[in-house]
Amino acid sequence: MTFIGPTCSRMPMQPSSGSTFRAALSAALSSDPGRLIERAMQLQALDRQLRQSLPEPLASHTRLGNLRNDKLVFLVDAPVWGLRLRLHANALLDAAHAAGIRASDIAVKVATMQPVPPDAAPPIPLSAAARETLRAAAAATGDETLRSQLLRLASMADS
């Protein structure tokens, strides 16, 4: 008897192949950063809304990872939460429809995210070469927001 359907994955969230990763990276780099940020914010808002339809122990172990085609992709931190989440698929789809999202299925992926220990290695300071590269990139861009962020990063090397 199988409890996890073909849309579920038990592997940690990692690219399935180098070509998939390169395609995603290429798409991210070729698109407007503002659109990526806007999409992330929309997914975060939808995540908060959908998790309200889940009981508390489950909601705290679940995150909406993506909305792809007509499928809501959820991330859980252990296989047991994935099984429990599938039991609430109809409630999630109803909540999505109430939010105006046309979703007909959910996918569940187990993504064990290890927290960074507080005693992790300290960040390596930016080199002078990195600072100059950031300043050159800032001078070359026409986007004022990006320019200010690049200059802010470059100033961190001066500290």
N, C-alpha and C. Protein backbone atom coordinates (compact mmCIF):
# COMPACT_ATOMS: atom_id res chain seq x y z
N MET A 1 0.85 -1.17 0.00
CA MET A 1 0.00 0.00 0.00
C MET A 1 0.90 1.24 0.00
N THR A 2 0.63 2.16 -0.89
CA THR A 2 1.42 3.38 -0.99
C THR A 2 0.61 4.56 -0.49
N PHE A 3 1.20 5.31 0.44
CA PHE A 3 0.53 6.49 0.98
C PHE A 3 0.98 7.76 0.28
N ILE A 4 2.13 7.73 -0.30
CA ILE A 4 2.66 8.92 -0.97
C ILE A 4 2.53 8.70 -2.46
N GLY A 5 1.80 9.59 -3.12
CA GLY A 5 1.59 9.47 -4.55
C GLY A 5 2.79 9.93 -5.35
N PRO A 6 2.71 9.85 -6.66
CA PRO A 6 3.83 10.23 -7.51
C PRO A 6 4.16 11.71 -7.44
N THR A 7 3.23 12.54 -6.93
CA THR A 7 3.53 13.97 -6.85
C THR A 7 4.31 14.32 -5.60
N CYS A 8 4.56 13.35 -4.73
CA CYS A 8 5.30 13.61 -3.50
C CYS A 8 6.74 13.16 -3.67
N SER A 9 7.62 13.84 -3.02
CA SER A 9 9.03 13.49 -3.05
C SER A 9 9.52 13.37 -1.63
N ARG A 10 10.35 12.38 -1.38
CA ARG A 10 10.89 12.20 -0.04
C ARG A 10 12.31 12.71 0.05
N MET A 11 12.83 13.25 -1.01
CA MET A 11 14.21 13.72 -1.02
C MET A 11 14.26 15.17 -0.56
N PRO A 12 15.38 15.58 0.08
CA PRO A 12 15.54 16.99 0.44
C PRO A 12 15.49 17.87 -0.79
N MET A 13 15.14 19.13 -0.59
CA MET A 13 15.02 20.06 -1.70
C MET A 13 16.39 20.36 -2.30
N GLN A 14 16.68 19.73 -3.40
CA GLN A 14 17.90 19.98 -4.13
C GLN A 14 17.57 19.86 -5.60
N PRO A 15 18.32 20.56 -6.45
CA PRO A 15 18.06 20.46 -7.87
C PRO A 15 18.18 19.01 -8.32
N SER A 16 17.29 18.59 -9.22
CA SER A 16 17.31 17.21 -9.67
C SER A 16 18.46 16.95 -10.63
N SER A 17 18.91 17.96 -11.31
CA SER A 17 20.05 17.79 -12.20
C SER A 17 20.72 19.13 -12.42
N GLY A 18 21.92 19.07 -12.95
CA GLY A 18 22.65 20.30 -13.23
C GLY A 18 21.93 21.16 -14.25
N SER A 19 21.30 20.52 -15.25
CA SER A 19 20.62 21.31 -16.28
C SER A 19 19.40 22.02 -15.71
N THR A 20 18.69 21.37 -14.79
CA THR A 20 17.54 22.01 -14.15
C THR A 20 17.99 23.23 -13.35
N PHE A 21 19.08 23.06 -12.62
CA PHE A 21 19.61 24.16 -11.83
C PHE A 21 20.06 25.30 -12.74
N ARG A 22 20.76 24.98 -13.82
CA ARG A 22 21.23 26.03 -14.74
C ARG A 22 20.06 26.74 -15.39
N ALA A 23 19.01 26.01 -15.73
CA ALA A 23 17.83 26.63 -16.34
C ALA A 23 17.16 27.59 -15.36
N ALA A 24 17.03 27.15 -14.11
CA ALA A 24 16.42 28.01 -13.09
C ALA A 24 17.28 29.24 -12.83
N LEU A 25 18.58 29.04 -12.76
CA LEU A 25 19.49 30.16 -12.53
C LEU A 25 19.43 31.14 -13.70
N SER A 26 19.42 30.60 -14.91
CA SER A 26 19.35 31.46 -16.09
C SER A 26 18.05 32.27 -16.10
N ALA A 27 16.95 31.63 -15.76
CA ALA A 27 15.66 32.33 -15.73
C ALA A 27 15.68 33.42 -14.67
N ALA A 28 16.26 33.12 -13.52
CA ALA A 28 16.30 34.11 -12.44
C ALA A 28 17.18 35.29 -12.83
N LEU A 29 18.30 35.02 -13.46
CA LEU A 29 19.22 36.10 -13.81
C LEU A 29 18.71 36.94 -14.98
N SER A 30 17.91 36.33 -15.86
CA SER A 30 17.44 37.07 -17.02
C SER A 30 16.18 37.89 -16.72
N SER A 31 15.53 37.62 -15.60
CA SER A 31 14.29 38.34 -15.31
C SER A 31 14.57 39.53 -14.41
N ASP A 32 13.59 40.36 -14.32
CA ASP A 32 13.66 41.56 -13.49
C ASP A 32 13.64 41.15 -12.02
N PRO A 33 14.63 41.58 -11.22
CA PRO A 33 14.65 41.20 -9.80
C PRO A 33 13.39 41.63 -9.06
N GLY A 34 12.80 42.71 -9.48
CA GLY A 34 11.57 43.17 -8.83
C GLY A 34 10.44 42.17 -8.99
N ARG A 35 10.37 41.52 -10.15
CA ARG A 35 9.33 40.51 -10.37
C ARG A 35 9.56 39.30 -9.49
N LEU A 36 10.82 38.92 -9.31
CA LEU A 36 11.12 37.78 -8.44
C LEU A 36 10.73 38.09 -7.00
N ILE A 37 11.06 39.28 -6.56
CA ILE A 37 10.71 39.68 -5.20
C ILE A 37 9.20 39.74 -5.04
N GLU A 38 8.52 40.29 -6.03
CA GLU A 38 7.06 40.37 -5.99
C GLU A 38 6.44 38.98 -5.93
N ARG A 39 6.97 38.05 -6.73
CA ARG A 39 6.45 36.67 -6.72
C ARG A 39 6.68 36.03 -5.35
N ALA A 40 7.86 36.24 -4.79
CA ALA A 40 8.16 35.67 -3.47
C ALA A 40 7.20 36.23 -2.42
N MET A 41 6.91 37.51 -2.51
CA MET A 41 6.00 38.13 -1.55
C MET A 41 4.57 37.59 -1.73
N GLN A 42 4.16 37.38 -2.99
CA GLN A 42 2.84 36.83 -3.24
C GLN A 42 2.73 35.41 -2.69
N LEU A 43 3.78 34.61 -2.90
CA LEU A 43 3.77 33.24 -2.38
C LEU A 43 3.75 33.24 -0.86
N GLN A 44 4.47 34.17 -0.26
CA GLN A 44 4.50 34.26 1.20
C GLN A 44 3.11 34.62 1.74
N ALA A 45 2.44 35.55 1.10
CA ALA A 45 1.09 35.94 1.53
C ALA A 45 0.11 34.79 1.35
N LEU A 46 0.21 34.09 0.22
CA LEU A 46 -0.66 32.94 -0.02
C LEU A 46 -0.36 31.83 0.99
N ASP A 47 0.91 31.64 1.31
CA ASP A 47 1.31 30.64 2.30
C ASP A 47 0.62 30.91 3.64
N ARG A 48 0.69 32.17 4.09
CA ARG A 48 0.05 32.52 5.36
C ARG A 48 -1.46 32.25 5.31
N GLN A 49 -2.06 32.58 4.20
CA GLN A 49 -3.51 32.42 4.06
C GLN A 49 -3.89 30.93 4.05
N LEU A 50 -3.15 30.13 3.30
CA LEU A 50 -3.49 28.71 3.19
C LEU A 50 -3.23 27.95 4.49
N ARG A 51 -2.17 28.30 5.19
CA ARG A 51 -1.85 27.58 6.43
C ARG A 51 -2.88 27.85 7.53
N GLN A 52 -3.67 28.90 7.39
CA GLN A 52 -4.73 29.15 8.36
C GLN A 52 -5.80 28.07 8.32
N SER A 53 -5.88 27.35 7.20
CA SER A 53 -6.88 26.28 7.08
C SER A 53 -6.37 24.96 7.65
N LEU A 54 -5.14 24.95 8.19
CA LEU A 54 -4.55 23.73 8.74
C LEU A 54 -4.56 23.77 10.26
N PRO A 55 -4.65 22.61 10.91
CA PRO A 55 -4.51 22.59 12.37
C PRO A 55 -3.10 22.99 12.77
N GLU A 56 -2.96 23.57 13.95
CA GLU A 56 -1.69 24.17 14.35
C GLU A 56 -0.47 23.26 14.30
N PRO A 57 -0.47 22.07 14.82
CA PRO A 57 0.80 21.35 14.74
C PRO A 57 1.26 21.17 13.30
N LEU A 58 0.32 20.95 12.41
CA LEU A 58 0.66 20.75 11.00
C LEU A 58 1.08 22.06 10.34
N ALA A 59 0.39 23.13 10.63
CA ALA A 59 0.69 24.43 10.00
C ALA A 59 2.12 24.88 10.29
N SER A 60 2.62 24.59 11.48
CA SER A 60 3.97 25.06 11.81
C SER A 60 5.07 24.23 11.16
N HIS A 61 4.72 23.10 10.57
CA HIS A 61 5.71 22.25 9.89
C HIS A 61 5.55 22.29 8.38
N THR A 62 4.71 23.18 7.89
CA THR A 62 4.37 23.25 6.46
C THR A 62 4.63 24.64 5.92
N ARG A 63 5.14 24.70 4.70
CA ARG A 63 5.32 25.97 3.99
C ARG A 63 4.92 25.78 2.53
N LEU A 64 4.29 26.79 1.96
CA LEU A 64 4.01 26.77 0.53
C LEU A 64 5.32 27.09 -0.18
N GLY A 65 5.75 26.20 -1.05
CA GLY A 65 7.01 26.41 -1.76
C GLY A 65 6.83 27.03 -3.12
N ASN A 66 5.73 26.71 -3.79
CA ASN A 66 5.54 27.22 -5.15
C ASN A 66 4.09 26.99 -5.57
N LEU A 67 3.71 27.70 -6.58
CA LEU A 67 2.45 27.48 -7.28
C LEU A 67 2.84 27.29 -8.73
N ARG A 68 2.78 26.06 -9.19
CA ARG A 68 3.25 25.71 -10.52
C ARG A 68 2.09 25.13 -11.31
N ASN A 69 1.79 25.77 -12.45
CA ASN A 69 0.63 25.40 -13.26
C ASN A 69 -0.61 25.42 -12.38
N ASP A 70 -1.25 24.29 -12.16
CA ASP A 70 -2.43 24.26 -11.30
C ASP A 70 -2.16 23.46 -10.03
N LYS A 71 -0.90 23.43 -9.61
CA LYS A 71 -0.49 22.62 -8.47
C LYS A 71 0.16 23.47 -7.39
N LEU A 72 -0.31 23.31 -6.17
CA LEU A 72 0.31 23.94 -5.00
C LEU A 72 1.41 23.01 -4.51
N VAL A 73 2.62 23.51 -4.42
CA VAL A 73 3.76 22.70 -3.98
C VAL A 73 4.08 23.10 -2.54
N PHE A 74 3.92 22.16 -1.62
CA PHE A 74 4.18 22.41 -0.21
C PHE A 74 5.46 21.73 0.22
N LEU A 75 6.15 22.37 1.15
CA LEU A 75 7.36 21.81 1.76
C LEU A 75 7.04 21.48 3.21
N VAL A 76 7.43 20.30 3.63
CA VAL A 76 7.29 19.89 5.02
C VAL A 76 8.65 19.46 5.53
N ASP A 77 8.83 19.47 6.85
CA ASP A 77 10.15 19.17 7.38
C ASP A 77 10.36 17.72 7.79
N ALA A 78 9.35 16.87 7.61
CA ALA A 78 9.50 15.44 7.89
C ALA A 78 8.42 14.68 7.13
N PRO A 79 8.69 13.43 6.76
CA PRO A 79 7.70 12.66 6.00
C PRO A 79 6.34 12.54 6.69
N VAL A 80 6.33 12.44 8.01
CA VAL A 80 5.06 12.30 8.72
C VAL A 80 4.16 13.52 8.48
N TRP A 81 4.75 14.71 8.39
CA TRP A 81 3.95 15.91 8.15
C TRP A 81 3.42 15.92 6.72
N GLY A 82 4.17 15.34 5.80
CA GLY A 82 3.69 15.23 4.43
C GLY A 82 2.45 14.36 4.33
N LEU A 83 2.47 13.25 5.06
CA LEU A 83 1.31 12.36 5.08
C LEU A 83 0.09 13.07 5.67
N ARG A 84 0.32 13.78 6.76
CA ARG A 84 -0.80 14.50 7.39
C ARG A 84 -1.31 15.63 6.50
N LEU A 85 -0.39 16.28 5.79
CA LEU A 85 -0.80 17.38 4.91
C LEU A 85 -1.69 16.86 3.78
N ARG A 86 -1.38 15.68 3.25
CA ARG A 86 -2.19 15.12 2.17
C ARG A 86 -3.63 14.88 2.63
N LEU A 87 -3.81 14.61 3.91
CA LEU A 87 -5.16 14.41 4.43
C LEU A 87 -5.97 15.71 4.40
N HIS A 88 -5.29 16.83 4.36
CA HIS A 88 -5.95 18.14 4.34
C HIS A 88 -5.92 18.78 2.95
N ALA A 89 -5.68 17.98 1.92
CA ALA A 89 -5.57 18.51 0.56
C ALA A 89 -6.84 19.25 0.14
N ASN A 90 -8.00 18.68 0.44
CA ASN A 90 -9.25 19.33 0.03
C ASN A 90 -9.44 20.68 0.71
N ALA A 91 -9.10 20.76 1.99
CA ALA A 91 -9.22 22.04 2.71
C ALA A 91 -8.27 23.07 2.12
N LEU A 92 -7.07 22.65 1.75
CA LEU A 92 -6.10 23.57 1.15
C LEU A 92 -6.58 24.05 -0.22
N LEU A 93 -7.11 23.13 -1.02
CA LEU A 93 -7.61 23.51 -2.34
C LEU A 93 -8.82 24.44 -2.21
N ASP A 94 -9.69 24.18 -1.25
CA ASP A 94 -10.83 25.07 -1.01
C ASP A 94 -10.35 26.46 -0.61
N ALA A 95 -9.34 26.52 0.26
CA ALA A 95 -8.79 27.82 0.69
C ALA A 95 -8.14 28.53 -0.49
N ALA A 96 -7.48 27.78 -1.35
CA ALA A 96 -6.86 28.38 -2.54
C ALA A 96 -7.93 28.94 -3.46
N HIS A 97 -8.99 28.19 -3.68
CA HIS A 97 -10.08 28.67 -4.53
C HIS A 97 -10.72 29.92 -3.94
N ALA A 98 -10.87 29.96 -2.62
CA ALA A 98 -11.42 31.15 -1.96
C ALA A 98 -10.51 32.36 -2.14
N ALA A 99 -9.21 32.11 -2.30
CA ALA A 99 -8.25 33.19 -2.51
C ALA A 99 -8.11 33.55 -3.99
N GLY A 100 -8.89 32.88 -4.85
CA GLY A 100 -8.84 33.17 -6.27
C GLY A 100 -7.76 32.41 -7.02
N ILE A 101 -7.22 31.37 -6.42
CA ILE A 101 -6.17 30.57 -7.05
C ILE A 101 -6.81 29.33 -7.65
N ARG A 102 -6.57 29.10 -8.92
CA ARG A 102 -7.11 27.94 -9.61
C ARG A 102 -6.13 26.77 -9.47
N ALA A 103 -6.23 26.05 -8.38
CA ALA A 103 -5.37 24.90 -8.15
C ALA A 103 -6.23 23.65 -8.10
N SER A 104 -5.73 22.57 -8.68
CA SER A 104 -6.50 21.33 -8.69
C SER A 104 -5.78 20.19 -7.98
N ASP A 105 -4.56 20.42 -7.55
CA ASP A 105 -3.80 19.35 -6.90
C ASP A 105 -2.73 19.97 -6.00
N ILE A 106 -2.22 19.15 -5.09
CA ILE A 106 -1.09 19.59 -4.29
C ILE A 106 0.04 18.59 -4.47
N ALA A 107 1.24 19.06 -4.30
CA ALA A 107 2.43 18.21 -4.25
C ALA A 107 3.11 18.49 -2.92
N VAL A 108 3.67 17.46 -2.35
CA VAL A 108 4.34 17.59 -1.06
C VAL A 108 5.78 17.13 -1.21
N LYS A 109 6.68 17.97 -0.75
CA LYS A 109 8.10 17.64 -0.79
C LYS A 109 8.66 17.76 0.62
N VAL A 110 9.47 16.80 0.99
CA VAL A 110 10.12 16.84 2.29
C VAL A 110 11.43 17.58 2.12
N ALA A 111 11.56 18.67 2.84
CA ALA A 111 12.76 19.52 2.75
C ALA A 111 13.28 19.74 4.16
N THR A 112 14.24 18.93 4.55
CA THR A 112 14.80 19.08 5.89
C THR A 112 15.81 20.21 5.86
N MET A 113 15.46 21.28 6.49
CA MET A 113 16.32 22.46 6.54
C MET A 113 17.00 22.50 7.90
N GLN A 114 18.30 22.38 7.91
CA GLN A 114 19.05 22.43 9.15
C GLN A 114 19.33 23.87 9.52
N PRO A 115 19.02 24.28 10.74
CA PRO A 115 19.33 25.66 11.14
C PRO A 115 20.84 25.87 11.21
N VAL A 116 21.25 27.08 10.94
CA VAL A 116 22.67 27.42 11.03
C VAL A 116 23.03 27.56 12.50
N PRO A 117 24.04 26.82 12.96
CA PRO A 117 24.40 26.94 14.37
C PRO A 117 24.95 28.33 14.67
N PRO A 118 24.68 28.83 15.88
CA PRO A 118 25.12 30.19 16.22
C PRO A 118 26.64 30.34 16.21
N ASP A 119 27.36 29.23 16.38
CA ASP A 119 28.82 29.33 16.39
C ASP A 119 29.42 29.05 15.01
N ALA A 120 28.65 29.28 13.96
CA ALA A 120 29.14 29.07 12.60
C ALA A 120 30.30 30.03 12.33
N ALA A 121 31.09 29.69 11.34
CA ALA A 121 32.25 30.51 11.00
C ALA A 121 31.81 31.94 10.70
N PRO A 122 32.57 32.92 11.15
CA PRO A 122 32.20 34.31 10.88
C PRO A 122 32.30 34.60 9.38
N PRO A 123 31.50 35.54 8.89
CA PRO A 123 31.55 35.86 7.47
C PRO A 123 32.91 36.44 7.09
N ILE A 124 33.35 36.11 5.90
CA ILE A 124 34.62 36.63 5.41
C ILE A 124 34.36 38.03 4.87
N PRO A 125 35.15 39.01 5.27
CA PRO A 125 34.93 40.37 4.79
C PRO A 125 35.20 40.47 3.29
N LEU A 126 34.54 41.43 2.66
CA LEU A 126 34.74 41.66 1.23
C LEU A 126 36.14 42.19 0.98
N SER A 127 36.72 41.73 -0.10
CA SER A 127 38.05 42.22 -0.46
C SER A 127 37.93 43.55 -1.19
N ALA A 128 39.06 44.21 -1.37
CA ALA A 128 39.08 45.47 -2.11
C ALA A 128 38.64 45.23 -3.55
N ALA A 129 39.03 44.09 -4.13
CA ALA A 129 38.64 43.77 -5.51
C ALA A 129 37.12 43.60 -5.61
N ALA A 130 36.52 42.95 -4.61
CA ALA A 130 35.06 42.78 -4.61
C ALA A 130 34.38 44.13 -4.49
N ARG A 131 34.91 44.99 -3.62
CA ARG A 131 34.35 46.33 -3.45
C ARG A 131 34.37 47.09 -4.77
N GLU A 132 35.48 47.04 -5.48
CA GLU A 132 35.60 47.76 -6.76
C GLU A 132 34.68 47.16 -7.81
N THR A 133 34.52 45.85 -7.81
CA THR A 133 33.61 45.20 -8.76
C THR A 133 32.17 45.62 -8.50
N LEU A 134 31.79 45.69 -7.23
CA LEU A 134 30.44 46.15 -6.89
C LEU A 134 30.22 47.60 -7.31
N ARG A 135 31.21 48.43 -7.10
CA ARG A 135 31.10 49.83 -7.51
C ARG A 135 31.00 49.96 -9.03
N ALA A 136 31.77 49.14 -9.75
CA ALA A 136 31.71 49.17 -11.22
C ALA A 136 30.34 48.71 -11.71
N ALA A 137 29.81 47.67 -11.07
CA ALA A 137 28.48 47.19 -11.46
C ALA A 137 27.42 48.25 -11.17
N ALA A 138 27.57 48.96 -10.06
CA ALA A 138 26.63 50.03 -9.72
C ALA A 138 26.68 51.14 -10.75
N ALA A 139 27.89 51.47 -11.20
CA ALA A 139 28.04 52.54 -12.20
C ALA A 139 27.46 52.12 -13.55
N ALA A 140 27.46 50.82 -13.83
CA ALA A 140 27.02 50.34 -15.14
C ALA A 140 25.51 50.12 -15.24
N THR A 141 24.82 50.06 -14.11
CA THR A 141 23.39 49.76 -14.16
C THR A 141 22.56 51.04 -14.29
N GLY A 142 21.43 50.89 -14.94
CA GLY A 142 20.51 52.02 -15.08
C GLY A 142 19.41 52.00 -14.03
N ASP A 143 19.33 50.93 -13.28
CA ASP A 143 18.31 50.79 -12.24
C ASP A 143 18.80 51.45 -10.95
N GLU A 144 18.11 52.50 -10.54
CA GLU A 144 18.55 53.27 -9.37
C GLU A 144 18.50 52.44 -8.08
N THR A 145 17.48 51.61 -7.94
CA THR A 145 17.37 50.77 -6.74
C THR A 145 18.53 49.78 -6.66
N LEU A 146 18.80 49.13 -7.78
CA LEU A 146 19.92 48.19 -7.82
C LEU A 146 21.23 48.91 -7.56
N ARG A 147 21.39 50.09 -8.15
CA ARG A 147 22.62 50.86 -7.95
C ARG A 147 22.84 51.15 -6.46
N SER A 148 21.79 51.59 -5.78
CA SER A 148 21.95 51.93 -4.37
C SER A 148 22.28 50.70 -3.53
N GLN A 149 21.68 49.56 -3.88
CA GLN A 149 21.97 48.32 -3.14
C GLN A 149 23.41 47.86 -3.38
N LEU A 150 23.88 47.97 -4.61
CA LEU A 150 25.27 47.59 -4.91
C LEU A 150 26.25 48.50 -4.17
N LEU A 151 25.95 49.78 -4.13
CA LEU A 151 26.83 50.71 -3.41
C LEU A 151 26.79 50.45 -1.90
N ARG A 152 25.63 50.06 -1.40
CA ARG A 152 25.53 49.72 0.02
C ARG A 152 26.38 48.49 0.33
N LEU A 153 26.34 47.50 -0.55
CA LEU A 153 27.18 46.32 -0.36
C LEU A 153 28.66 46.67 -0.44
N ALA A 154 29.01 47.53 -1.39
CA ALA A 154 30.41 47.93 -1.53
C ALA A 154 30.88 48.67 -0.29
N SER A 155 30.00 49.44 0.32
CA SER A 155 30.40 50.18 1.52
C SER A 155 30.68 49.24 2.70
N MET A 156 30.13 48.05 2.67
CA MET A 156 30.39 47.08 3.74
C MET A 156 31.85 46.63 3.72
N ALA A 157 32.47 46.67 2.56
CA ALA A 157 33.88 46.30 2.46
C ALA A 157 34.74 47.39 3.08
N ASP A 158 34.23 48.61 3.13
CA ASP A 158 35.00 49.72 3.70
C ASP A 158 35.02 49.65 5.22
N SER A 159 34.06 48.95 5.81
CA SER A 159 33.93 48.91 7.28
C SER A 159 35.06 48.15 7.92
